[in-house]
Protein backbone atom coordinates (compact mmCIF):
# COMPACT_ATOMS: atom_id res chain seq x y z
CA MET A 1 17.78 -15.12 28.63
CA ALA A 2 14.13 -15.90 29.27
CA LEU A 3 12.00 -17.42 26.56
CA ILE A 4 10.31 -14.80 24.38
CA ALA A 5 7.10 -16.34 23.09
CA GLN A 6 6.39 -13.64 20.53
CA PRO A 7 8.25 -12.01 17.64
CA PHE A 8 11.08 -9.64 18.60
CA ARG A 9 11.32 -6.41 16.61
CA HIS A 10 14.87 -5.23 15.99
CA PRO A 11 15.06 -1.58 17.19
CA ASP A 12 17.18 -0.43 14.23
CA SER A 13 16.00 -2.37 11.19
CA GLY A 14 12.41 -2.91 12.29
CA ILE A 15 12.61 -6.54 11.11
CA TYR A 16 11.03 -9.16 13.33
CA TYR A 17 12.96 -12.14 14.68
CA LEU A 18 12.49 -15.36 16.56
CA ARG A 19 14.68 -15.37 19.68
CA ARG A 20 14.58 -18.50 21.76
CA ARG A 21 16.70 -19.65 24.69
CA VAL A 22 18.45 -23.00 24.19
CA PRO A 23 17.69 -25.40 27.08
CA ASP A 24 20.63 -25.87 29.45
CA ASP A 25 21.02 -29.57 28.64
CA LEU A 26 21.35 -28.85 24.90
CA ARG A 27 23.74 -25.90 24.92
CA GLN A 28 26.88 -28.01 24.69
CA ILE A 29 25.42 -30.00 21.77
CA ILE A 30 24.10 -27.01 19.83
CA GLY A 31 26.89 -24.68 20.84
CA LYS A 32 24.65 -21.68 21.55
CA THR A 33 22.71 -20.20 24.42
CA GLU A 34 20.11 -18.64 22.11
CA ILE A 35 18.62 -19.29 18.68
CA ARG A 36 17.94 -16.28 16.50
CA ARG A 37 16.18 -16.24 13.17
CA SER A 38 14.92 -13.43 10.96
CA LEU A 39 11.24 -13.60 10.08
CA ASN A 40 11.95 -11.46 7.00
CA THR A 41 9.16 -8.95 7.56
CA ARG A 42 8.52 -5.61 9.21
CA HIS A 43 4.76 -6.26 9.50
CA HIS A 44 3.62 -7.57 12.87
CA HIS A 45 0.67 -9.58 11.52
CA GLN A 46 2.90 -11.37 9.01
CA ALA A 47 5.56 -11.85 11.67
CA LYS A 48 3.11 -13.67 13.94
CA ALA A 49 2.37 -16.21 11.22
CA ALA A 50 6.06 -16.73 10.37
CA PHE A 51 6.91 -16.93 14.07
CA ALA A 52 4.67 -19.98 14.52
CA LEU A 53 6.57 -21.86 11.82
CA ALA A 54 9.98 -20.74 13.07
CA TYR A 55 9.08 -21.78 16.59
CA ALA A 56 8.07 -25.22 15.32
CA GLU A 57 11.41 -25.53 13.50
CA SER A 58 13.26 -24.71 16.71
CA GLU A 59 11.29 -27.44 18.46
CA ARG A 60 12.39 -29.93 15.81
CA LEU A 61 15.97 -28.75 16.28
CA PHE A 62 15.80 -29.39 20.03
CA ASN A 63 14.23 -32.81 19.46
CA ASP A 64 16.99 -33.72 16.99
CA ALA A 65 19.61 -32.71 19.54
CA ARG A 66 17.97 -34.85 22.23
CA GLN A 67 17.76 -37.82 19.83
CA GLY A 68 21.41 -37.50 18.88
CA VAL A 69 20.77 -36.60 15.22
CA TYR A 70 21.65 -32.92 15.43
CA VAL A 71 23.68 -31.63 12.47
CA GLU A 72 25.77 -28.53 13.09
CA PRO A 73 25.17 -25.76 10.53
CA CYS A 74 27.91 -25.05 8.02
CA LYS A 75 28.35 -21.42 9.15
CA PRO A 76 28.11 -20.93 12.90
CA GLU A 77 26.85 -17.61 14.15
CA MET A 78 29.59 -15.00 14.48
CA ALA A 79 30.17 -14.02 18.09
CA GLY A 80 29.43 -10.48 19.14
CA GLN A 81 27.37 -9.62 16.06
CA PRO A 82 23.77 -8.86 17.10
CA LEU A 83 21.19 -10.45 14.83
CA PRO A 84 23.14 -10.18 11.53
CA THR A 85 21.73 -13.25 9.75
CA PRO A 86 19.44 -16.11 10.69
CA ALA A 87 21.32 -18.42 13.04
CA LEU A 88 18.84 -21.28 13.07
CA PRO A 89 20.28 -24.33 11.30
CA ALA A 90 18.69 -24.86 7.92
CA LEU A 91 15.74 -27.21 8.08
CA LYS A 92 14.49 -26.07 4.71
CA GLU A 93 11.63 -27.95 3.15
CA THR A 94 11.88 -28.59 -0.55
CA SER A 95 8.18 -27.91 -0.95
CA ILE A 96 4.77 -28.68 0.50
CA ARG A 97 1.45 -29.39 -1.13
CA LEU A 98 -1.32 -26.81 -1.20
CA SER A 99 -3.41 -28.81 1.29
CA GLU A 100 -0.55 -28.64 3.82
CA ALA A 101 -0.16 -24.90 3.19
CA LEU A 102 -3.84 -24.49 3.99
CA THR A 103 -3.44 -26.45 7.24
CA ARG A 104 -0.57 -24.20 8.31
CA TYR A 105 -2.46 -21.06 7.35
CA VAL A 106 -5.48 -22.07 9.41
CA HIS A 107 -3.19 -22.84 12.33
CA SER A 108 -1.51 -19.45 12.04
CA ILE A 109 -4.74 -17.44 12.18
CA SER A 110 -5.60 -19.07 15.52
CA ALA A 111 -2.98 -16.76 17.05
CA SER A 112 -4.73 -13.61 15.82
CA GLY A 113 -6.75 -13.07 19.01
CA ARG A 114 -10.11 -13.02 17.23
CA SER A 115 -13.21 -14.63 18.67
CA GLU A 116 -13.77 -18.36 18.24
CA TYR A 117 -16.71 -17.80 15.91
CA VAL A 118 -14.76 -15.44 13.62
CA LEU A 119 -11.81 -17.86 13.48
CA ARG A 120 -14.11 -20.75 12.62
CA ARG A 121 -15.84 -18.82 9.84
CA HIS A 122 -12.49 -17.61 8.52
CA ALA A 123 -11.15 -21.18 8.42
CA VAL A 124 -14.29 -22.46 6.67
CA ASP A 125 -14.32 -19.71 4.03
CA TYR A 126 -10.63 -19.97 3.16
CA SER A 127 -10.67 -23.76 3.21
CA ARG A 128 -13.60 -23.73 0.77
CA ALA A 129 -11.59 -21.56 -1.65
CA VAL A 130 -8.43 -23.66 -1.49
CA ASN A 131 -10.30 -26.96 -1.70
CA ARG A 132 -12.15 -25.68 -4.77
CA PHE A 133 -8.76 -25.11 -6.44
CA ILE A 134 -7.57 -28.58 -5.37
CA SER A 135 -10.68 -30.26 -6.77
CA ASN A 136 -10.20 -28.44 -10.10
CA MET A 137 -6.42 -28.44 -10.48
CA GLY A 138 -5.19 -31.12 -8.10
CA ASP A 139 -3.30 -30.93 -4.82
CA LYS A 140 -0.12 -29.59 -6.37
CA SER A 141 3.14 -28.70 -4.70
CA ILE A 142 3.00 -24.96 -4.06
CA THR A 143 6.16 -24.45 -6.13
CA GLU A 144 4.42 -26.02 -9.13
CA ILE A 145 1.46 -23.61 -9.12
CA GLN A 146 1.95 -21.12 -11.93
CA PRO A 147 0.04 -17.98 -13.00
CA SER A 148 -1.30 -19.99 -15.94
CA ASP A 149 -2.92 -22.40 -13.44
CA ILE A 150 -4.67 -19.47 -11.78
CA HIS A 151 -6.07 -18.28 -15.12
CA GLU A 152 -7.25 -21.79 -15.99
CA PHE A 153 -8.87 -22.15 -12.57
CA ALA A 154 -10.66 -18.80 -12.86
CA SER A 155 -11.93 -19.63 -16.34
CA ASN A 156 -13.30 -22.94 -15.12
CA LEU A 157 -15.15 -21.16 -12.30
CA ILE A 158 -16.86 -18.71 -14.64
CA GLN A 159 -17.40 -21.16 -17.50
CA PRO A 160 -17.22 -24.70 -16.07
CA SER A 161 -16.27 -27.47 -18.47
CA ASP A 162 -18.74 -29.71 -16.63
CA PRO A 163 -22.30 -28.70 -17.65
CA ASN A 164 -23.59 -29.96 -14.30
CA VAL A 165 -21.50 -27.41 -12.37
CA LYS A 166 -23.10 -24.01 -11.77
CA PRO A 167 -20.92 -21.12 -13.01
CA LEU A 168 -19.80 -18.50 -10.51
CA ALA A 169 -20.45 -14.79 -10.85
CA ILE A 170 -17.45 -12.50 -11.38
CA SER A 171 -17.80 -11.12 -7.84
CA SER A 172 -17.84 -14.62 -6.31
CA THR A 173 -14.85 -15.64 -8.41
CA ARG A 174 -12.88 -12.59 -7.30
CA LEU A 175 -13.63 -13.34 -3.65
CA LEU A 176 -12.60 -16.97 -3.97
CA LEU A 177 -9.35 -16.00 -5.71
CA ALA A 178 -8.63 -13.37 -3.05
CA ARG A 179 -8.88 -16.04 -0.35
CA LEU A 180 -6.65 -18.39 -2.30
CA SER A 181 -4.20 -15.51 -2.69
CA SER A 182 -4.12 -14.95 1.08
CA VAL A 183 -3.05 -18.55 1.65
CA MET A 184 -0.38 -18.28 -1.05
CA ALA A 185 0.85 -14.99 0.43
CA PHE A 186 1.22 -16.78 3.76
CA THR A 187 3.57 -19.31 2.14
CA VAL A 188 5.62 -16.44 0.70
CA ASP A 189 5.83 -14.75 4.10
CA SER A 190 6.86 -18.09 5.62
CA GLY A 191 9.78 -18.43 3.19
CA LEU A 192 8.27 -21.45 1.42
CA LEU A 193 7.64 -19.69 -1.89
CA GLU A 194 9.32 -16.89 -3.78
CA THR A 195 6.27 -15.22 -5.33
CA ASN A 196 2.50 -15.42 -4.99
CA PRO A 197 1.18 -16.97 -8.23
CA VAL A 198 -2.24 -15.36 -7.80
CA THR A 199 -0.73 -11.88 -7.61
CA ALA A 200 1.70 -12.67 -10.42
CA SER A 201 -1.17 -13.77 -12.65
CA ARG A 202 -2.82 -10.33 -12.41
CA ILE A 203 -6.09 -12.22 -12.65
CA HIS A 204 -8.08 -9.52 -10.87
CA LYS A 205 -7.18 -6.99 -13.54
CA ARG A 206 -8.32 -9.40 -16.22
CA LEU A 207 -11.63 -10.07 -14.48
CA GLY A 208 -12.33 -6.39 -13.99
CA SER A 209 -14.58 -5.00 -11.30
CA GLY A 210 -16.76 -7.50 -9.51
CA LYS A 211 -19.50 -4.92 -9.08
CA PRO A 212 -21.34 -2.84 -11.65
CA LYS A 213 -20.73 0.89 -11.55
CA ARG A 214 -23.06 2.59 -9.17
CA ARG A 215 -25.67 4.84 -10.73
CA LEU A 216 -26.80 8.12 -9.22
CA ASP A 217 -30.28 6.68 -8.73
CA ASP A 218 -28.98 3.43 -7.19
CA ASN A 219 -30.18 3.64 -3.59
CA ARG A 220 -29.26 0.55 -1.58
CA GLY A 221 -31.44 1.68 1.31
CA TYR A 222 -35.20 2.07 1.71
CA SER A 223 -36.84 5.40 1.05
CA TRP A 224 -39.02 6.95 3.78
CA SER A 225 -42.21 5.93 1.97
CA GLU A 226 -40.91 2.36 1.61
CA LEU A 227 -40.11 2.22 5.33
CA VAL A 228 -43.60 3.42 6.22
CA ASN A 229 -45.11 0.93 3.78
CA LEU A 230 -43.17 -1.96 5.33
CA PHE A 231 -43.89 -1.20 8.97
CA SER A 232 -47.53 -0.27 8.45
CA HIS A 233 -48.30 -3.49 6.61
CA ALA A 234 -50.66 -5.81 8.48
CA GLU A 235 -48.50 -8.87 7.78
CA PHE A 236 -45.56 -7.20 9.53
CA GLN A 237 -47.52 -5.88 12.51
CA LYS A 238 -48.98 -9.27 13.38
CA LEU A 239 -45.42 -10.61 13.85
CA ARG A 240 -45.10 -8.71 17.15
CA ASP A 241 -46.51 -11.73 19.02
CA ALA A 242 -45.34 -14.46 16.66
CA GLN A 243 -44.18 -17.70 18.28
CA GLY A 244 -41.74 -20.39 17.25
CA ARG A 245 -38.73 -19.87 15.04
CA PRO A 246 -37.97 -17.13 14.00
CA GLY A 247 -41.03 -15.77 15.81
CA ASN A 248 -41.07 -12.15 16.92
CA ALA A 249 -37.45 -11.67 15.83
CA VAL A 250 -38.83 -10.85 12.37
CA PHE A 251 -40.75 -7.98 13.98
CA TRP A 252 -38.03 -6.60 16.24
CA ILE A 253 -34.81 -7.00 14.25
CA PRO A 254 -35.97 -4.96 11.22
CA LEU A 255 -37.34 -2.25 13.52
CA MET A 256 -34.16 -2.13 15.61
CA ALA A 257 -32.06 -2.06 12.44
CA ALA A 258 -34.07 0.87 11.09
CA TYR A 259 -33.57 2.89 14.30
CA THR A 260 -29.91 1.96 14.93
CA GLY A 261 -28.28 1.11 11.59
CA ALA A 262 -26.93 -2.06 13.25
CA ARG A 263 -26.09 -5.17 11.25
CA ARG A 264 -28.53 -8.07 11.36
CA GLU A 265 -26.11 -10.40 13.16
CA GLU A 266 -25.21 -7.76 15.75
CA LEU A 267 -28.86 -7.63 16.78
CA ALA A 268 -29.64 -11.34 16.50
CA GLN A 269 -26.80 -12.33 18.86
CA LEU A 270 -27.70 -9.91 21.68
CA TYR A 271 -27.90 -11.07 25.29
CA ILE A 272 -30.25 -9.63 27.91
CA GLU A 273 -27.49 -7.61 29.60
CA ASP A 274 -26.51 -6.04 26.26
CA ILE A 275 -29.60 -3.81 26.51
CA HIS A 276 -28.78 -1.68 29.54
CA GLN A 277 -29.36 1.72 31.09
CA HIS A 278 -26.38 4.03 31.39
CA GLU A 279 -25.79 6.22 34.43
CA CYS A 280 -26.81 9.23 32.31
CA GLY A 281 -30.32 7.74 32.23
CA TRP A 282 -30.41 6.75 28.55
CA TRP A 283 -30.75 3.15 27.37
CA PHE A 284 -28.10 1.61 25.12
CA ILE A 285 -27.49 -1.54 23.09
CA ARG A 286 -23.99 -2.89 23.58
CA ILE A 287 -22.35 -4.52 20.56
CA ILE A 288 -19.41 -6.61 21.71
CA ASP A 289 -17.83 -10.02 21.11
CA ASP A 290 -17.53 -11.00 24.78
CA ARG A 291 -18.86 -14.55 24.34
CA PRO A 292 -17.84 -17.43 22.06
CA ASP A 293 -21.13 -17.20 20.13
CA LYS A 294 -20.84 -13.44 19.51
CA SER A 295 -18.73 -11.71 16.90
CA VAL A 296 -18.06 -8.27 15.44
CA LYS A 297 -17.05 -7.45 11.89
CA THR A 298 -14.29 -4.95 12.75
CA ASP A 299 -12.66 -3.37 15.80
CA SER A 300 -14.78 -0.23 15.33
CA SER A 301 -17.91 -2.41 15.48
CA ARG A 302 -17.55 -2.73 19.27
CA ARG A 303 -19.75 0.11 20.45
CA GLU A 304 -22.73 1.39 22.42
CA ILE A 305 -25.82 2.31 20.39
CA PRO A 306 -28.36 4.69 21.97
CA VAL A 307 -31.94 3.41 22.02
CA HIS A 308 -34.44 5.76 20.36
CA THR A 309 -37.44 6.55 22.57
CA ASP A 310 -39.75 5.04 19.91
CA LEU A 311 -38.25 1.61 20.52
CA ILE A 312 -38.93 1.93 24.23
CA ALA A 313 -42.49 3.08 23.53
CA LEU A 314 -42.93 0.07 21.26
CA GLY A 315 -41.99 -2.24 24.14
CA LEU A 316 -38.35 -3.12 23.54
CA LEU A 317 -37.67 -3.27 27.27
CA THR A 318 -40.41 -5.87 27.73
CA LEU A 319 -38.16 -8.28 25.85
CA ILE A 320 -35.68 -8.24 28.72
CA GLN A 321 -37.84 -7.60 31.77
CA GLY A 322 -37.90 -10.53 34.16
CA ARG A 323 -35.38 -12.47 32.07
CA LEU A 324 -32.28 -13.99 33.66
CA PRO A 325 -28.86 -12.55 32.73
CA GLY A 326 -26.91 -14.85 30.46
CA THR A 327 -29.89 -15.57 28.20
CA ARG A 328 -30.29 -14.22 24.70
CA VAL A 329 -32.82 -11.59 23.67
CA PHE A 330 -33.98 -13.86 20.82
CA PRO A 331 -33.42 -17.37 22.19
CA GLN A 332 -35.46 -18.91 19.39
CA LEU A 333 -32.73 -18.07 16.87
CA VAL A 334 -30.29 -20.95 16.46
CA LYS A 335 -26.77 -20.39 15.21
CA VAL A 336 -25.98 -22.14 11.94
CA SER A 337 -23.33 -21.65 9.26
CA ASP A 338 -24.57 -18.15 8.37
CA GLY A 339 -25.04 -17.06 11.99
CA PHE A 340 -28.18 -16.43 14.02
CA ALA A 341 -29.95 -14.07 11.61
CA GLY A 342 -30.07 -16.14 8.43
CA ILE A 343 -33.59 -17.38 9.09
CA VAL A 344 -34.72 -13.80 9.81
CA SER A 345 -33.43 -12.70 6.40
CA LYS A 346 -35.22 -15.58 4.69
CA SER A 347 -38.47 -14.63 6.39
CA TRP A 348 -38.08 -10.90 5.75
CA ARG A 349 -37.48 -11.09 1.99
CA PRO A 350 -40.99 -12.36 1.08
CA ILE A 351 -42.51 -9.64 3.25
CA THR A 352 -40.68 -6.97 1.23
CA GLN A 353 -41.88 -8.66 -1.95
CA ARG A 354 -45.51 -8.67 -0.87
CA CYS A 355 -45.23 -5.04 0.22
CA GLY A 356 -43.94 -4.14 -3.22
CA VAL A 357 -40.61 -2.71 -2.00
CA TYR A 358 -38.32 -5.59 -2.94
CA ARG A 359 -35.58 -4.61 -5.36
CA ALA A 360 -33.04 -6.96 -6.96
CA GLY A 361 -29.52 -6.21 -5.77
CA ARG A 362 -30.69 -4.66 -2.50
CA ASN A 363 -30.16 -6.73 0.64
CA PRO A 364 -33.56 -6.64 2.40
CA LEU A 365 -32.10 -6.43 5.93
CA HIS A 366 -28.79 -4.67 5.30
CA ALA A 367 -30.75 -1.96 3.47
CA PHE A 368 -31.79 -0.56 6.87
CA ARG A 369 -28.14 0.31 7.53
CA HIS A 370 -28.11 2.45 4.40
CA SER A 371 -31.48 3.98 5.27
CA PHE A 372 -30.26 4.97 8.73
CA LYS A 373 -27.24 6.82 7.31
CA THR A 374 -29.46 8.64 4.82
CA LEU A 375 -31.95 9.69 7.52
CA ALA A 376 -29.09 10.82 9.78
CA ARG A 377 -27.81 13.11 7.01
CA GLU A 378 -31.28 14.45 6.20
CA HIS A 379 -32.08 15.32 9.82
CA GLY A 380 -28.83 16.92 10.89
CA ILE A 381 -27.07 14.16 12.82
CA PRO A 382 -23.34 14.90 12.37
CA LYS A 383 -21.36 12.36 10.39
CA GLU A 384 -19.02 11.64 13.29
CA VAL A 385 -22.00 10.76 15.50
CA SER A 386 -23.68 8.54 12.90
CA ASP A 387 -20.32 6.81 12.40
CA TRP A 388 -20.08 6.18 16.15
CA ILE A 389 -23.59 4.74 16.18
CA THR A 390 -23.11 2.49 13.14
CA GLY A 391 -19.53 1.49 13.96
CA HIS A 392 -17.98 2.95 10.83
CA ALA A 393 -14.29 3.80 11.19
CA SER A 394 -13.48 7.27 9.86
CA GLY A 395 -9.86 6.52 8.98
CA HIS A 396 -8.60 9.61 10.85
CA ILE A 397 -6.00 8.84 13.52
CA GLY A 398 -7.39 11.57 15.77
CA ASP A 399 -10.67 9.68 16.09
CA SER A 400 -8.87 6.85 17.88
CA TYR A 401 -8.20 9.19 20.83
CA GLY A 402 -10.70 9.73 23.61
CA VAL A 403 -14.13 8.13 23.87
CA ASN A 404 -17.45 8.70 22.15
CA PRO A 405 -19.72 10.69 24.51
CA LEU A 406 -22.77 8.53 25.13
CA SER A 407 -25.08 11.35 26.23
CA ARG A 408 -24.35 13.24 22.99
CA MET A 409 -25.10 10.15 20.92
CA ALA A 410 -28.37 9.59 22.80
CA MET A 411 -29.53 13.16 22.19
CA GLU A 412 -28.53 13.18 18.52
CA ILE A 413 -30.39 9.96 17.68
CA GLN A 414 -33.64 11.56 18.86
CA LYS A 415 -33.43 13.77 15.74
CA LEU A 416 -34.61 10.82 13.68
CA PRO A 417 -38.26 11.19 12.64
CA SER A 418 -40.80 8.89 14.26
CA LEU A 419 -41.07 6.03 11.83
CA ALA A 420 -43.24 4.10 14.32
CA GLU A 421 -45.74 6.97 14.48
CA ALA A 422 -45.83 7.33 10.71
CA ALA A 423 -46.50 3.58 10.37
CA GLY A 424 -49.23 3.59 13.03
CA LEU A 425 -47.28 1.32 15.39
CA LEU A 426 -47.41 3.47 18.51
CA PRO A 427 -50.40 3.04 20.84
CA GLY A 428 -52.92 5.84 20.52
CA LYS A 429 -51.17 7.38 17.52
């Protein structure tokens, strides 16, 4: 049987297995032609993580056989019985420390097929959470970590015993614990631990909601008058020709966000060829993670966004004219730990403050995404179309069939009112 380098799903039980051909020179020693081991899960994502560990165990088994230290399992696999129980000889670890569990978890997510940037950010974020626990509670064996340790850790995050350590907000604590829980869940799925101590602690119920209840008057987007105020302000308008870093990105990214509902990083990472003209004649912005330095938040984030005619009238196409393919629209933006757009956010916040539209709790750049959805509702753009444009998944299985008609999207987006005209940005207006 040929080597199967991915989990095998049993057609009857739905449980995933490792199935690996024993090399010809080891068959007489091991006494099998194939190694089979249950991964103890019916979930493909979990199976991929467990498969990596099982595959490594089979490698150690083969190495032991070649070195002459192979030990035959107590109960050999029963002939003629397809996949009844795990047939891989027990190489069970008594326990591993949390730092080793983190290393294995990071290794397992590398097989997820995500972009390099997303994997790197994922590894950094989850490592930060686990290492925070280790610095507080020690690098314990995973079997020694109890629900009481989780409660003590959470308490020390919110009310540190060290007066020099800044306390964390409830929302930040919940996020850190959720990431720690993911690593612990991985050890459970890998057969290294019986239960997840974070889940068993029920710490999230004790902490309560990480966000205050939303009020009816709590608008996370800009109102129309606030948008006009921002884009008509002299300090904003002079940024059109700004040089250096972040330069004119502070002019274009807020405008593009207001007219597209796109996320700040989606716009900051664009390449010249991502702004293109479709065969229907309309211009579109392509959001896709087709390069190592580009990423998307979710699968539904990969999309084409129609360009409103106001953006073309404002000179959006001049940003790409005469530029070589393979260069970025905003080359002055340098990627750091928080992506390309962090410096744009830092520059945009004081502008909103000086315009008098800054509001605590409202993200100054992400607010345009909320504003776009509100304007789409007010001006008759159907929800399904605004979801296509913003990359919001509807959750309905039927929406995963077919494609989103680009010409329809382009026509619908023209229903948005002319913010540029209202702010006096258009020539001759």
